[in-house]
Protein backbone atom coordinates (compact mmCIF):
# COMPACT_ATOMS: atom_id res chain seq x y z
CA LEU A 1 113.22 96.26 126.46
CA GLN A 2 116.34 97.68 128.09
CA HIS A 3 118.18 94.51 127.10
CA TYR A 4 117.00 95.03 123.50
CA VAL A 5 118.29 98.60 123.47
CA LEU A 6 121.78 97.48 124.49
CA ASN A 7 121.81 94.66 121.94
CA VAL A 8 120.71 96.95 119.10
CA GLN A 9 123.61 99.25 119.81
CA GLU A 10 126.33 96.66 120.31
CA HIS A 11 125.80 93.03 119.45
CA MET A 12 123.15 92.28 116.82
CA ASP A 13 123.98 91.61 113.17
CA SER A 14 121.67 92.95 110.45
CA ALA A 15 119.53 89.80 110.29
CA GLN A 16 118.97 89.92 114.02
CA ARG A 17 118.12 93.62 113.83
CA CYS A 18 115.51 92.82 111.15
CA GLY A 19 114.06 90.23 113.50
CA LEU A 20 113.97 92.79 116.28
CA ALA A 21 112.14 95.19 113.99
CA ASN A 22 109.49 92.54 113.42
CA ASP A 23 109.22 91.96 117.18
CA MET A 24 108.57 95.67 117.66
CA ALA A 25 105.35 95.36 115.67
CA HIS A 26 103.94 93.26 118.50
CA ILE A 27 105.53 95.18 121.38
CA PHE A 28 105.05 98.81 120.38
CA ASP A 29 101.26 98.89 120.12
CA HIS A 30 100.71 96.90 123.30
CA ASN A 31 98.38 98.88 125.52
CA GLY A 32 100.06 97.55 128.64
CA LEU A 33 103.34 99.41 128.12
CA ASN A 34 104.08 101.89 130.86
CA LYS A 35 105.72 105.26 130.21
CA ARG A 36 109.25 103.95 130.72
CA GLU A 37 108.67 100.91 128.50
CA ARG A 38 107.21 103.05 125.71
CA TYR A 39 110.19 105.38 125.92
CA LEU A 40 112.57 102.42 125.56
CA ALA A 41 110.52 101.05 122.64
CA GLU A 42 110.79 104.41 120.91
CA GLU A 43 114.56 104.37 121.51
CA ILE A 44 114.81 100.97 119.83
CA ILE A 45 112.75 102.15 116.87
CA ALA A 46 114.81 105.33 116.53
CA ASN A 47 118.00 103.23 116.45
CA LEU A 48 116.58 100.92 113.79
CA ILE A 49 115.37 103.85 111.68
CA ASP A 50 118.95 105.21 111.69
CA ASP A 51 120.45 101.83 110.77
CA GLU A 52 122.87 101.96 107.85
CA VAL A 53 121.49 98.68 106.44
CA GLU A 54 118.53 99.24 104.12
CA SER A 55 116.84 95.92 104.95
CA VAL A 56 116.76 96.84 108.64
CA ARG A 57 115.16 100.22 107.93
CA LEU A 58 112.63 98.53 105.66
CA SER A 59 111.75 96.00 108.36
CA ILE A 60 111.03 98.70 110.94
CA ALA A 61 109.07 100.77 108.39
CA VAL A 62 106.79 97.81 107.69
CA ALA A 63 106.59 96.86 111.37
CA VAL A 64 105.57 100.20 112.89
CA GLY A 65 104.74 102.43 109.92
CA THR A 66 101.00 101.99 110.43
CA SER A 67 101.06 102.53 114.20
CA PRO A 68 99.06 105.44 115.62
CA HIS A 69 101.60 105.52 118.48
CA LEU A 70 104.62 106.20 116.26
CA PRO A 71 106.05 109.63 117.16
CA VAL A 72 105.59 112.06 114.28
CA GLU A 73 109.28 112.87 114.00
CA LEU A 74 110.11 109.18 113.53
CA ALA A 75 107.35 108.78 110.93
CA HIS A 76 108.79 111.81 109.12
CA LYS A 77 112.25 110.28 109.08
CA LEU A 78 110.92 107.04 107.57
CA ALA A 79 108.84 108.93 105.01
CA ARG A 80 111.91 110.91 103.88
CA ASP A 81 113.95 107.75 103.31
CA ILE A 82 114.39 106.16 99.88
CA SER A 83 111.21 105.01 98.14
CA ALA A 84 111.51 101.33 99.04
CA ILE A 85 111.40 102.23 102.74
CA SER A 86 109.14 105.27 102.72
CA LEU A 87 106.23 103.96 100.62
CA PRO A 88 104.44 101.84 103.26
CA VAL A 89 104.66 104.74 105.70
CA LEU A 90 103.47 107.36 103.21
CA LYS A 91 100.57 105.15 102.18
CA LEU A 92 99.44 103.90 105.59
CA SER A 93 100.72 106.01 108.47
CA PRO A 94 97.88 107.78 110.31
CA VAL A 95 100.21 110.29 111.98
CA LEU A 96 101.47 112.13 108.87
CA GLU A 97 100.03 115.63 108.55
CA ASP A 98 98.83 117.24 105.31
CA ARG A 99 101.55 119.89 105.44
CA PHE A 100 104.23 117.21 105.59
CA LEU A 101 102.61 115.21 102.78
CA GLU A 102 102.58 118.33 100.61
CA ASP A 103 106.29 118.84 101.27
CA VAL A 104 106.94 115.26 100.15
CA LEU A 105 104.89 115.85 96.99
CA LYS A 106 107.01 118.89 96.15
CA THR A 107 110.05 116.61 95.79
CA GLY A 108 108.44 115.23 92.63
CA VAL A 109 109.30 111.59 93.42
CA VAL A 110 106.57 109.77 91.51
CA ASP A 111 106.56 106.62 93.65
CA LYS A 112 105.97 108.73 96.74
CA MET A 113 103.25 110.71 94.99
CA LEU A 114 101.50 107.44 94.09
CA ALA A 115 101.69 106.20 97.68
CA ILE A 116 100.14 109.42 99.01
CA ALA A 117 97.40 109.25 96.36
CA GLU A 118 96.48 105.77 97.66
CA ARG A 119 96.05 106.79 101.32
CA HIS A 120 92.79 105.75 102.95
CA ASN A 121 91.82 109.41 103.23
CA VAL A 122 93.33 112.12 101.05
CA SER A 123 92.27 115.64 101.96
CA ALA A 124 91.05 118.13 99.37
CA GLN A 125 94.22 120.17 99.83
CA VAL A 126 96.52 117.20 99.25
CA CYS A 127 94.43 116.18 96.20
CA ARG A 128 94.87 119.68 94.81
CA ARG A 129 98.64 119.50 95.36
CA ILE A 130 98.91 116.11 93.64
CA VAL A 131 97.03 117.39 90.59
CA SER A 132 99.15 120.55 90.49
CA MET A 133 102.32 118.44 90.12
CA GLY A 134 101.29 117.58 86.56
CA ARG A 135 101.86 113.82 86.60
CA LYS A 136 99.14 111.64 85.15
CA GLU A 137 99.80 108.44 87.12
CA PRO A 138 99.14 109.95 90.58
CA VAL A 139 96.05 111.71 89.20
CA LEU A 140 94.69 108.37 88.03
CA ARG A 141 95.35 106.86 91.47
CA LEU A 142 93.41 109.73 93.06
CA LEU A 143 90.46 109.22 90.74
CA GLU A 144 90.43 105.50 91.55
CA ASN A 145 90.60 106.20 95.31
CA LYS A 146 87.14 106.65 96.84
CA GLY A 147 88.80 108.12 99.92
CA ALA A 148 90.25 111.01 97.93
CA LYS A 149 88.33 114.25 98.56
CA ILE A 150 88.47 115.68 95.04
CA ASN A 151 86.54 118.93 95.15
CA ASP A 152 84.92 120.63 92.16
CA HIS A 153 87.82 123.00 91.54
CA THR A 154 90.33 120.14 91.44
CA MET A 155 88.07 118.00 89.24
CA ILE A 156 87.73 120.86 86.77
CA THR A 157 91.53 121.16 86.70
CA ILE A 158 91.82 117.44 85.98
CA ILE A 159 89.35 117.70 83.12
CA ARG A 160 91.06 120.78 81.69
CA VAL A 161 94.50 119.17 81.74
CA TYR A 162 93.72 115.49 81.10
CA GLY A 163 90.19 115.40 79.68
CA ASP A 164 91.35 114.29 76.24
CA ASP A 165 93.18 111.30 77.74
CA GLU A 166 91.02 108.20 77.46
CA THR A 167 92.28 106.56 80.64
CA VAL A 168 91.66 109.69 82.68
CA GLU A 169 88.24 110.18 81.08
CA GLN A 170 87.25 106.63 81.97
CA ALA A 171 88.46 107.08 85.55
CA ILE A 172 86.34 110.23 85.84
CA PHE A 173 83.29 108.41 84.47
CA ASP A 174 83.87 105.43 86.78
CA ARG A 175 84.05 107.75 89.79
CA GLY A 176 80.41 108.72 89.31
CA GLU A 177 78.26 111.76 88.58
CA LEU A 178 79.97 115.09 88.11
CA SER A 179 78.43 117.96 90.04
CA ASP A 180 76.35 120.61 88.29
CA ASP A 181 79.09 123.18 88.96
CA VAL A 182 81.68 121.02 87.21
CA LEU A 183 79.38 120.39 84.27
CA ALA A 184 78.56 124.07 83.96
CA THR A 185 82.24 125.00 83.98
CA LEU A 186 82.86 122.66 81.06
CA GLN A 187 81.02 125.20 78.93
CA ASN A 188 84.10 127.39 79.12
CA LEU A 189 86.43 124.80 77.62
CA SER A 190 87.46 124.84 73.99
CA GLU A 191 84.75 123.71 71.60
CA ALA A 192 86.57 120.58 70.48
CA HIS A 193 87.22 119.54 74.04
CA VAL A 194 83.63 120.19 75.10
CA SER A 195 82.30 118.20 72.18
CA ASN A 196 84.57 115.22 72.83
CA PHE A 197 84.13 115.06 76.61
CA ILE A 198 80.39 115.73 76.63
CA GLN A 199 79.75 113.21 73.88
CA LYS A 200 81.39 110.54 76.03
CA TYR A 201 79.93 111.70 79.33
CA PHE A 202 76.35 111.67 78.05
CA LYS A 203 76.91 108.68 75.76
CA ILE A 204 75.75 110.64 72.72
CA PRO A 205 76.31 108.98 69.32
CA GLY A 206 78.92 110.92 67.38
CA HIS A 207 76.70 111.49 64.33
CA VAL A 208 74.11 113.41 66.36
CA MET A 209 76.58 115.39 68.48
CA ASP A 210 77.59 118.98 67.98
CA VAL A 211 79.05 121.60 70.29
CA GLU A 212 75.84 123.59 70.78
CA ARG A 213 73.95 120.42 71.66
CA GLY A 214 76.64 119.63 74.20
CA ARG A 215 76.37 123.07 75.71
CA ASP A 216 72.58 122.79 75.87
CA LEU A 217 72.87 119.51 77.77
CA LEU A 218 74.99 121.22 80.39
CA GLU A 219 72.35 123.80 81.16
CA GLY A 220 70.89 122.83 84.54
CA VAL A 221 71.67 119.13 84.09
CA ASN A 222 70.91 116.99 87.13
CA ARG A 223 71.55 113.50 85.81
CA LYS A 224 72.70 111.71 82.72
CA PRO A 225 70.02 111.22 80.09
CA THR A 226 69.47 107.85 78.47
CA TRP A 227 70.35 107.58 74.80
């Protein structure tokens, strides 16, 4: 490892540094590394993360971005890089904290928002932040992600903002039953919106649907009726 550190700093061309980044995927997570060896491995990774060549930074992001051993500050640096490099880290790194993810979302970079929406687990707070950014594509990714903890308040916001959008409606339906609290809150939406959404949610033929009927169906509903 010490030999690698010296070579990274002085002698390797960019192709060799990419190869070293790939080697680090096998070395860094090895349980047999002692404290000194892990320190040297982190030094190599830090050097590669600071490399001026984009392909080198991408190689190290892919190689160690999913590692639970990656120091948080190095994961942050990768996640703040350009989209091509940051996306695998934002999507897969287990060391990124919710507060950091929210800061990334505030930048408004859609590709990064999409990557965060696809994480294996997305907390309720991060879901709320994604929805608050007002971009439909990340909201759709959240709805399609079973690991996204979309609470009732956030789901109601999605329906209020996007409920007339057919792709969002379908994603909501595909996600499964809405809670009674969400259904009850729909009663406060505009009449046209209630009529349209409830007609689709309960699969009610248009010619027998009216707003009052939709509101009645929401009263204490526990499951979808069969029509």
